[in-house]
PDB file of N, CA and C in Angstrom:
ATOM      1  N   MET A   1     -10.505  49.970 110.316  1.00  0.00           N
ATOM      2  CA  MET A   1     -10.540  48.631 111.031  1.00  0.00           C
ATOM      3  C   MET A   1     -10.782  48.670 112.345  1.00  0.00           C
ATOM      4  N   HIS A   2     -11.627  47.649 112.660  1.00  0.00           N
ATOM      5  CA  HIS A   2     -11.815  47.621 114.357  1.00  0.00           C
ATOM      6  C   HIS A   2     -10.574  46.727 114.781  1.00  0.00           C
ATOM      7  N   ALA A   3     -10.340  46.985 115.971  1.00  0.00           N
ATOM      8  CA  ALA A   3      -9.523  46.292 116.883  1.00  0.00           C
ATOM      9  C   ALA A   3     -10.096  45.259 117.383  1.00  0.00           C
ATOM     10  N   PRO A   4      -9.350  43.812 117.064  1.00  0.00           N
ATOM     11  CA  PRO A   4      -9.866  42.590 117.601  1.00  0.00           C
ATOM     12  C   PRO A   4     -10.351  42.456 119.369  1.00  0.00           C
ATOM     13  N   HIS A   5     -11.350  42.161 119.556  1.00  0.00           N
ATOM     14  CA  HIS A   5     -12.071  42.288 120.836  1.00  0.00           C
ATOM     15  C   HIS A   5     -11.612  41.173 121.533  1.00  0.00           C
ATOM     16  N   ILE A   6     -10.925  41.394 122.769  1.00  0.00           N
ATOM     17  CA  ILE A   6     -10.654  39.972 123.620  1.00  0.00           C
ATOM     18  C   ILE A   6     -11.445  39.949 124.676  1.00  0.00           C
ATOM     19  N   THR A   7     -11.819  38.574 124.554  1.00  0.00           N
ATOM     20  CA  THR A   7     -13.289  38.232 125.584  1.00  0.00           C
ATOM     21  C   THR A   7     -12.361  37.541 126.755  1.00  0.00           C
ATOM     22  N   MET A   8     -12.791  37.874 128.144  1.00  0.00           N
ATOM     23  CA  MET A   8     -12.347  37.079 129.279  1.00  0.00           C
ATOM     24  C   MET A   8     -12.990  35.805 129.205  1.00  0.00           C
ATOM     25  N   PRO A   9     -12.489  34.854 129.880  1.00  0.00           N
ATOM     26  CA  PRO A   9     -13.004  33.380 130.000  1.00  0.00           C
ATOM     27  C   PRO A   9     -14.335  33.553 130.867  1.00  0.00           C
ATOM     28  N   LEU A  10     -15.322  32.563 130.322  1.00  0.00           N
ATOM     29  CA  LEU A  10     -16.810  32.641 130.858  1.00  0.00           C
ATOM     30  C   LEU A  10     -16.923  31.587 131.920  1.00  0.00           C
ATOM     31  N   TRP A  11     -15.903  31.347 132.850  1.00  0.00           N
ATOM     32  CA  TRP A  11     -16.123  30.178 133.744  1.00  0.00           C
ATOM     33  C   TRP A  11     -15.838  30.794 135.194  1.00  0.00           C
ATOM     34  N   SER A  12     -16.197  29.884 136.107  1.00  0.00           N
ATOM     35  CA  SER A  12     -15.854  30.382 137.614  1.00  0.00           C
ATOM     36  C   SER A  12     -15.971  28.936 138.521  1.00  0.00           C
ATOM     37  N   THR A  13     -15.260  28.957 139.463  1.00  0.00           N
ATOM     38  CA  THR A  13     -15.216  28.021 140.211  1.00  0.00           C
ATOM     39  C   THR A  13     -16.370  27.878 141.560  1.00  0.00           C
ATOM     40  N   ALA A  14     -16.648  27.177 142.227  1.00  0.00           N
ATOM     41  CA  ALA A  14     -17.566  26.523 143.153  1.00  0.00           C
ATOM     42  C   ALA A  14     -16.846  27.227 144.531  1.00  0.00           C
ATOM     43  N   SER A  15     -15.688  27.847 144.426  1.00  0.00           N
ATOM     44  CA  SER A  15     -15.016  27.970 145.715  1.00  0.00           C
ATOM     45  C   SER A  15     -15.526  29.539 146.357  1.00  0.00           C
ATOM     46  N   PHE A  16     -16.298  30.049 145.459  1.00  0.00           N
ATOM     47  CA  PHE A  16     -16.844  31.431 145.827  1.00  0.00           C
ATOM     48  C   PHE A  16     -15.629  32.458 146.487  1.00  0.00           C
ATOM     49  N   GLY A  17     -14.760  32.541 145.920  1.00  0.00           N
ATOM     50  CA  GLY A  17     -13.408  33.395 146.549  1.00  0.00           C
ATOM     51  C   GLY A  17     -12.788  32.677 147.306  1.00  0.00           C
ATOM     52  N   ASP A  18     -12.883  31.469 148.343  1.00  0.00           N
ATOM     53  CA  ASP A  18     -12.030  30.875 148.971  1.00  0.00           C
ATOM     54  C   ASP A  18     -10.913  30.243 148.424  1.00  0.00           C
ATOM     55  N   SER A  19     -10.326  29.275 148.968  1.00  0.00           N
ATOM     56  CA  SER A  19      -9.255  28.357 148.205  1.00  0.00           C
ATOM     57  C   SER A  19      -9.825  27.322 147.933  1.00  0.00           C
ATOM     58  N   ALA A  20      -9.821  26.754 146.764  1.00  0.00           N
ATOM     59  CA  ALA A  20     -10.264  25.480 146.185  1.00  0.00           C
ATOM     60  C   ALA A  20      -9.655  24.313 146.668  1.00  0.00           C
ATOM     61  N   ASP A  21     -10.143  23.901 147.953  1.00  0.00           N
ATOM     62  CA  ASP A  21      -9.197  22.560 148.466  1.00  0.00           C
ATOM     63  C   ASP A  21     -10.355  21.581 148.889  1.00  0.00           C
ATOM     64  N   THR A  22     -10.183  20.313 148.752  1.00  0.00           N
ATOM     65  CA  THR A  22     -11.025  19.261 149.091  1.00  0.00           C
ATOM     66  C   THR A  22     -11.120  19.438 150.496  1.00  0.00           C
ATOM     67  N   SER A  23     -12.545  18.954 150.843  1.00  0.00           N
ATOM     68  CA  SER A  23     -13.181  18.962 152.049  1.00  0.00           C
ATOM     69  C   SER A  23     -13.129  17.613 152.866  1.00  0.00           C
ATOM     70  N   ALA A  24     -13.321  17.261 153.754  1.00  0.00           N
ATOM     71  CA  ALA A  24     -13.338  16.042 154.307  1.00  0.00           C
ATOM     72  C   ALA A  24     -14.491  15.102 154.088  1.00  0.00           C
ATOM     73  N   MET A  25     -15.583  15.896 153.825  1.00  0.00           N
ATOM     74  CA  MET A  25     -16.726  15.335 153.225  1.00  0.00           C
ATOM     75  C   MET A  25     -16.805  14.760 151.742  1.00  0.00           C
ATOM     76  N   GLU A  26     -15.807  15.693 151.403  1.00  0.00           N
ATOM     77  CA  GLU A  26     -15.657  15.255 149.665  1.00  0.00           C
ATOM     78  C   GLU A  26     -14.866  13.695 149.684  1.00  0.00           C
ATOM     79  N   PHE A  27     -13.738  13.855 150.851  1.00  0.00           N
ATOM     80  CA  PHE A  27     -12.832  12.602 150.772  1.00  0.00           C
ATOM     81  C   PHE A  27     -13.832  11.260 151.201  1.00  0.00           C
ATOM     82  N   SER A  28     -14.953  11.734 152.061  1.00  0.00           N
ATOM     83  CA  SER A  28     -15.572  10.744 152.358  1.00  0.00           C
ATOM     84  C   SER A  28     -16.696  10.018 151.529  1.00  0.00           C
ATOM     85  N   ALA A  29     -17.071  10.913 150.643  1.00  0.00           N
ATOM     86  CA  ALA A  29     -17.928  10.542 149.684  1.00  0.00           C
ATOM     87  C   ALA A  29     -17.071   9.822 148.433  1.00  0.00           C
ATOM     88  N   LEU A  30     -16.051  10.048 148.294  1.00  0.00           N
ATOM     89  CA  LEU A  30     -15.033   9.581 147.447  1.00  0.00           C
ATOM     90  C   LEU A  30     -14.767   8.170 147.820  1.00  0.00           C
ATOM     91  N   GLY A  31     -14.358   8.014 149.245  1.00  0.00           N
ATOM     92  CA  GLY A  31     -14.098   6.665 149.953  1.00  0.00           C
ATOM     93  C   GLY A  31     -15.413   5.750 149.490  1.00  0.00           C
ATOM     94  N   ALA A  32     -16.529   6.233 149.949  1.00  0.00           N
ATOM     95  CA  ALA A  32     -17.667   5.190 149.748  1.00  0.00           C
ATOM     96  C   ALA A  32     -17.784   4.598 148.252  1.00  0.00           C
ATOM     97  N   HIS A  33     -17.512   5.720 147.220  1.00  0.00           N
ATOM     98  CA  HIS A  33     -17.638   5.382 145.928  1.00  0.00           C
ATOM     99  C   HIS A  33     -16.859   4.449 145.710  1.00  0.00           C
ATOM    100  N   MET A  34     -15.521   4.720 146.115  1.00  0.00           N
ATOM    101  CA  MET A  34     -14.530   3.702 145.732  1.00  0.00           C
ATOM    102  C   MET A  34     -14.678   2.365 146.255  1.00  0.00           C
ATOM    103  N   ALA A  35     -15.396   2.005 147.429  1.00  0.00           N
ATOM    104  CA  ALA A  35     -15.901   0.679 148.127  1.00  0.00           C
ATOM    105  C   ALA A  35     -17.059   0.268 147.363  1.00  0.00           C
ATOM    106  N   ALA A  36     -17.822   0.947 147.018  1.00  0.00           N
ATOM    107  CA  ALA A  36     -18.956   0.451 145.923  1.00  0.00           C
ATOM    108  C   ALA A  36     -18.552  -0.268 144.746  1.00  0.00           C
ATOM    109  N   CYS A  37     -17.546   0.496 144.295  1.00  0.00           N
ATOM    110  CA  CYS A  37     -16.933   0.139 142.695  1.00  0.00           C
ATOM    111  C   CYS A  37     -16.139  -1.211 143.090  1.00  0.00           C
ATOM    112  N   LYS A  38     -15.334  -1.221 144.080  1.00  0.00           N
ATOM    113  CA  LYS A  38     -14.691  -2.286 144.383  1.00  0.00           C
ATOM    114  C   LYS A  38     -15.640  -3.493 144.681  1.00  0.00           C
ATOM    115  N   THR A  39     -16.711  -3.348 145.436  1.00  0.00           N
ATOM    116  CA  THR A  39     -17.758  -4.513 145.479  1.00  0.00           C
ATOM    117  C   THR A  39     -18.246  -5.151 144.065  1.00  0.00           C
ATOM    118  N   LEU A  40     -18.365  -3.992 143.177  1.00  0.00           N
ATOM    119  CA  LEU A  40     -19.036  -4.664 141.818  1.00  0.00           C
ATOM    120  C   LEU A  40     -18.208  -5.220 140.934  1.00  0.00           C
ATOM    121  N   THR A  41     -16.710  -5.372 141.454  1.00  0.00           N
ATOM    122  CA  THR A  41     -16.096  -5.879 140.384  1.00  0.00           C
ATOM    123  C   THR A  41     -15.829  -7.227 140.599  1.00  0.00           C
ATOM    124  N   GLY A  42     -16.909  -8.308 140.686  1.00  0.00           N
ATOM    125  CA  GLY A  42     -17.217  -9.464 141.016  1.00  0.00           C
ATOM    126  C   GLY A  42     -16.710 -10.488 139.846  1.00  0.00           C
ATOM    127  N   ARG A  43     -17.262 -11.547 139.972  1.00  0.00           N
ATOM    128  CA  ARG A  43     -16.932 -12.646 138.856  1.00  0.00           C
ATOM    129  C   ARG A  43     -17.444 -12.560 137.662  1.00  0.00           C
ATOM    130  N   LEU A  44     -18.625 -11.726 137.667  1.00  0.00           N
ATOM    131  CA  LEU A  44     -19.518 -11.461 136.366  1.00  0.00           C
ATOM    132  C   LEU A  44     -19.333  -9.931 135.898  1.00  0.00           C
ATOM    133  N   PHE A  45     -18.282  -9.523 136.459  1.00  0.00           N
ATOM    134  CA  PHE A  45     -18.121  -7.960 136.011  1.00  0.00           C
ATOM    135  C   PHE A  45     -17.714  -8.035 134.438  1.00  0.00           C
ATOM    136  N   VAL A  46     -17.126  -8.756 134.157  1.00  0.00           N
ATOM    137  CA  VAL A  46     -16.606  -8.632 132.642  1.00  0.00           C
ATOM    138  C   VAL A  46     -17.904  -9.173 131.526  1.00  0.00           C
ATOM    139  N   ALA A  47     -18.640 -10.026 132.002  1.00  0.00           N
ATOM    140  CA  ALA A  47     -19.826 -10.542 131.503  1.00  0.00           C
ATOM    141  C   ALA A  47     -20.920  -9.334 131.440  1.00  0.00           C
ATOM    142  N   ARG A  48     -21.051  -8.796 132.501  1.00  0.00           N
ATOM    143  CA  ARG A  48     -21.996  -7.674 132.817  1.00  0.00           C
ATOM    144  C   ARG A  48     -21.614  -6.650 131.647  1.00  0.00           C
ATOM    145  N   CYS A  49     -20.468  -6.330 131.639  1.00  0.00           N
ATOM    146  CA  CYS A  49     -19.662  -5.271 130.850  1.00  0.00           C
ATOM    147  C   CYS A  49     -19.746  -5.238 129.426  1.00  0.00           C
ATOM    148  N   ALA A  50     -19.739  -6.730 129.134  1.00  0.00           N
ATOM    149  CA  ALA A  50     -19.729  -7.229 127.725  1.00  0.00           C
ATOM    150  C   ALA A  50     -21.500  -7.063 127.104  1.00  0.00           C
ATOM    151  N   ALA A  51     -22.287  -7.410 128.240  1.00  0.00           N
ATOM    152  CA  ALA A  51     -23.441  -7.156 127.930  1.00  0.00           C
ATOM    153  C   ALA A  51     -23.907  -5.488 127.887  1.00  0.00           C
ATOM    154  N   GLU A  52     -23.727  -5.063 128.612  1.00  0.00           N
ATOM    155  CA  GLU A  52     -23.992  -3.325 128.324  1.00  0.00           C
ATOM    156  C   GLU A  52     -23.524  -3.031 127.246  1.00  0.00           C
ATOM    157  N   ALA A  53     -22.198  -3.271 126.546  1.00  0.00           N
ATOM    158  CA  ALA A  53     -21.634  -2.984 125.278  1.00  0.00           C
ATOM    159  C   ALA A  53     -22.483  -3.410 124.207  1.00  0.00           C
ATOM    160  N   MET A  54     -22.834  -4.670 124.333  1.00  0.00           N
ATOM    161  CA  MET A  54     -23.655  -5.322 123.166  1.00  0.00           C
ATOM    162  C   MET A  54     -25.126  -4.610 123.243  1.00  0.00           C
ATOM    163  N   HIS A  55     -25.845  -4.243 124.530  1.00  0.00           N
ATOM    164  CA  HIS A  55     -26.949  -3.529 124.533  1.00  0.00           C
ATOM    165  C   HIS A  55     -26.888  -2.112 124.038  1.00  0.00           C
ATOM    166  N   GLY A  56     -25.963  -1.368 124.152  1.00  0.00           N
ATOM    167  CA  GLY A  56     -25.475  -0.072 123.302  1.00  0.00           C
ATOM    168  C   GLY A  56     -25.396  -0.366 122.109  1.00  0.00           C
ATOM    169  N   PHE A  57     -24.522  -1.189 121.527  1.00  0.00           N
ATOM    170  CA  PHE A  57     -24.452  -1.365 120.127  1.00  0.00           C
ATOM    171  C   PHE A  57     -26.001  -1.614 119.353  1.00  0.00           C
ATOM    172  N   VAL A  58     -26.656  -2.673 119.896  1.00  0.00           N
ATOM    173  CA  VAL A  58     -27.820  -3.002 119.079  1.00  0.00           C
ATOM    174  C   VAL A  58     -28.957  -1.916 119.526  1.00  0.00           C
ATOM    175  N   ALA A  59     -29.084  -1.058 120.575  1.00  0.00           N
ATOM    176  CA  ALA A  59     -30.038  -0.352 120.847  1.00  0.00           C
ATOM    177  C   ALA A  59     -29.874   1.068 119.981  1.00  0.00           C
ATOM    178  N   SER A  60     -28.652   1.408 119.699  1.00  0.00           N
ATOM    179  CA  SER A  60     -28.270   2.252 118.796  1.00  0.00           C
ATOM    180  C   SER A  60     -28.758   1.993 117.326  1.00  0.00           C
ATOM    181  N   ARG A  61     -28.619   0.690 117.040  1.00  0.00           N
ATOM    182  CA  ARG A  61     -28.718   0.530 115.583  1.00  0.00           C
ATOM    183  C   ARG A  61     -30.094  -0.166 115.410  1.00  0.00           C
ATOM    184  N   LEU A  62     -31.043  -0.366 116.267  1.00  0.00           N
ATOM    185  CA  LEU A  62     -32.315  -1.017 116.458  1.00  0.00           C
ATOM    186  C   LEU A  62     -32.914  -0.921 114.938  1.00  0.00           C
ATOM    187  N   ILE A  63     -32.957   0.090 114.239  1.00  0.00           N
ATOM    188  CA  ILE A  63     -33.866   0.165 113.067  1.00  0.00           C
ATOM    189  C   ILE A  63     -32.941  -0.334 111.970  1.00  0.00           C
ATOM    190  N   THR A  64     -31.793  -0.093 112.037  1.00  0.00           N
ATOM    191  CA  THR A  64     -30.986  -0.642 110.861  1.00  0.00           C
ATOM    192  C   THR A  64     -31.046  -2.025 111.120  1.00  0.00           C
ATOM    193  N   THR A  65     -30.616  -2.535 112.207  1.00  0.00           N
ATOM    194  CA  THR A  65     -30.579  -4.167 112.501  1.00  0.00           C
ATOM    195  C   THR A  65     -32.113  -4.942 112.015  1.00  0.00           C
ATOM    196  N   LEU A  66     -33.108  -4.202 112.155  1.00  0.00           N
ATOM    197  CA  LEU A  66     -34.571  -4.737 111.673  1.00  0.00           C
ATOM    198  C   LEU A  66     -34.901  -4.678 110.258  1.00  0.00           C
ATOM    199  N   VAL A  67     -34.240  -3.714 109.563  1.00  0.00           N
ATOM    200  CA  VAL A  67     -34.258  -3.417 108.017  1.00  0.00           C
ATOM    201  C   VAL A  67     -33.416  -4.601 107.735  1.00  0.00           C
ATOM    202  N   VAL A  68     -32.338  -4.827 107.923  1.00  0.00           N
ATOM    203  CA  VAL A  68     -31.553  -5.783 107.556  1.00  0.00           C
ATOM    204  C   VAL A  68     -31.838  -7.234 107.904  1.00  0.00           C
ATOM    205  N   ALA A  69     -32.646  -7.269 108.850  1.00  0.00           N
ATOM    206  CA  ALA A  69     -33.089  -8.736 109.119  1.00  0.00           C
ATOM    207  C   ALA A  69     -34.244  -8.768 108.303  1.00  0.00           C
ATOM    208  N   ALA A  70     -35.144  -7.873 107.791  1.00  0.00           N
ATOM    209  CA  ALA A  70     -36.294  -8.082 107.172  1.00  0.00           C
ATOM    210  C   ALA A  70     -35.770  -8.425 105.732  1.00  0.00           C
ATOM    211  N   LEU A  71     -34.810  -7.715 105.282  1.00  0.00           N
ATOM    212  CA  LEU A  71     -34.196  -8.065 104.096  1.00  0.00           C
ATOM    213  C   LEU A  71     -33.817  -9.264 103.867  1.00  0.00           C
ATOM    214  N   LEU A  72     -33.168  -9.985 104.723  1.00  0.00           N
ATOM    215  CA  LEU A  72     -32.581 -11.291 104.803  1.00  0.00           C
ATOM    216  C   LEU A  72     -33.713 -12.120 104.604  1.00  0.00           C
ATOM    217  N   ILE A  73     -34.882 -11.733 105.590  1.00  0.00           N
ATOM    218  CA  ILE A  73     -35.593 -12.812 105.620  1.00  0.00           C
ATOM    219  C   ILE A  73     -36.466 -12.772 103.957  1.00  0.00           C
ATOM    220  N   GLY A  74     -36.691 -11.501 103.660  1.00  0.00           N
ATOM    221  CA  GLY A  74     -37.573 -11.500 102.369  1.00  0.00           C
ATOM    222  C   GLY A  74     -36.766 -11.920 101.363  1.00  0.00           C
ATOM    223  N   ILE A  75     -35.351 -11.843 101.076  1.00  0.00           N
ATOM    224  CA  ILE A  75     -34.793 -12.184 100.010  1.00  0.00           C
ATOM    225  C   ILE A  75     -34.520 -14.028 100.273  1.00  0.00           C
ATOM    226  N   SER A  76     -34.347 -14.485 101.443  1.00  0.00           N
ATOM    227  CA  SER A  76     -34.285 -15.800 101.676  1.00  0.00           C
ATOM    228  C   SER A  76     -35.626 -16.683 101.070  1.00  0.00           C
ATOM    229  N   SER A  77     -36.920 -15.803 101.452  1.00  0.00           N
ATOM    230  CA  SER A  77     -38.277 -16.323 101.088  1.00  0.00           C
ATOM    231  C   SER A  77     -38.151 -16.607  99.247  1.00  0.00           C
ATOM    232  N   PHE A  78     -37.747 -15.688  98.844  1.00  0.00           N
ATOM    233  CA  PHE A  78     -37.735 -15.501  97.453  1.00  0.00           C
ATOM    234  C   PHE A  78     -36.906 -16.861  96.621  1.00  0.00           C
ATOM    235  N   ILE A  79     -35.794 -17.195  97.603  1.00  0.00           N
ATOM    236  CA  ILE A  79     -34.827 -17.893  97.060  1.00  0.00           C
ATOM    237  C   ILE A  79     -35.612 -19.275  97.368  1.00  0.00           C
ATOM    238  N   PHE A  80     -35.788 -19.653  98.385  1.00  0.00           N
ATOM    239  CA  PHE A  80     -36.513 -21.018  98.890  1.00  0.00           C
ATOM    240  C   PHE A  80     -37.793 -21.232  98.701  1.00  0.00           C
TER     241      PHE A  80
END
């Protein structure tokens, strides 16, 4: 029997051997991002979020929606 082979993790950090500390430029970019996010949460933010969610739902199920609509139209044309 062979002994189990233990592998080392295959990840590395971007610190390149230095300490992984946050720089002033990263804090500045984070502050700018937070300020931009704060301005985007206006009155229509909830409506925009709902519209994006509805678009994502319909876009991912476009073919199914079209098939169901065609079936309903076809069935209703035979009935009436």
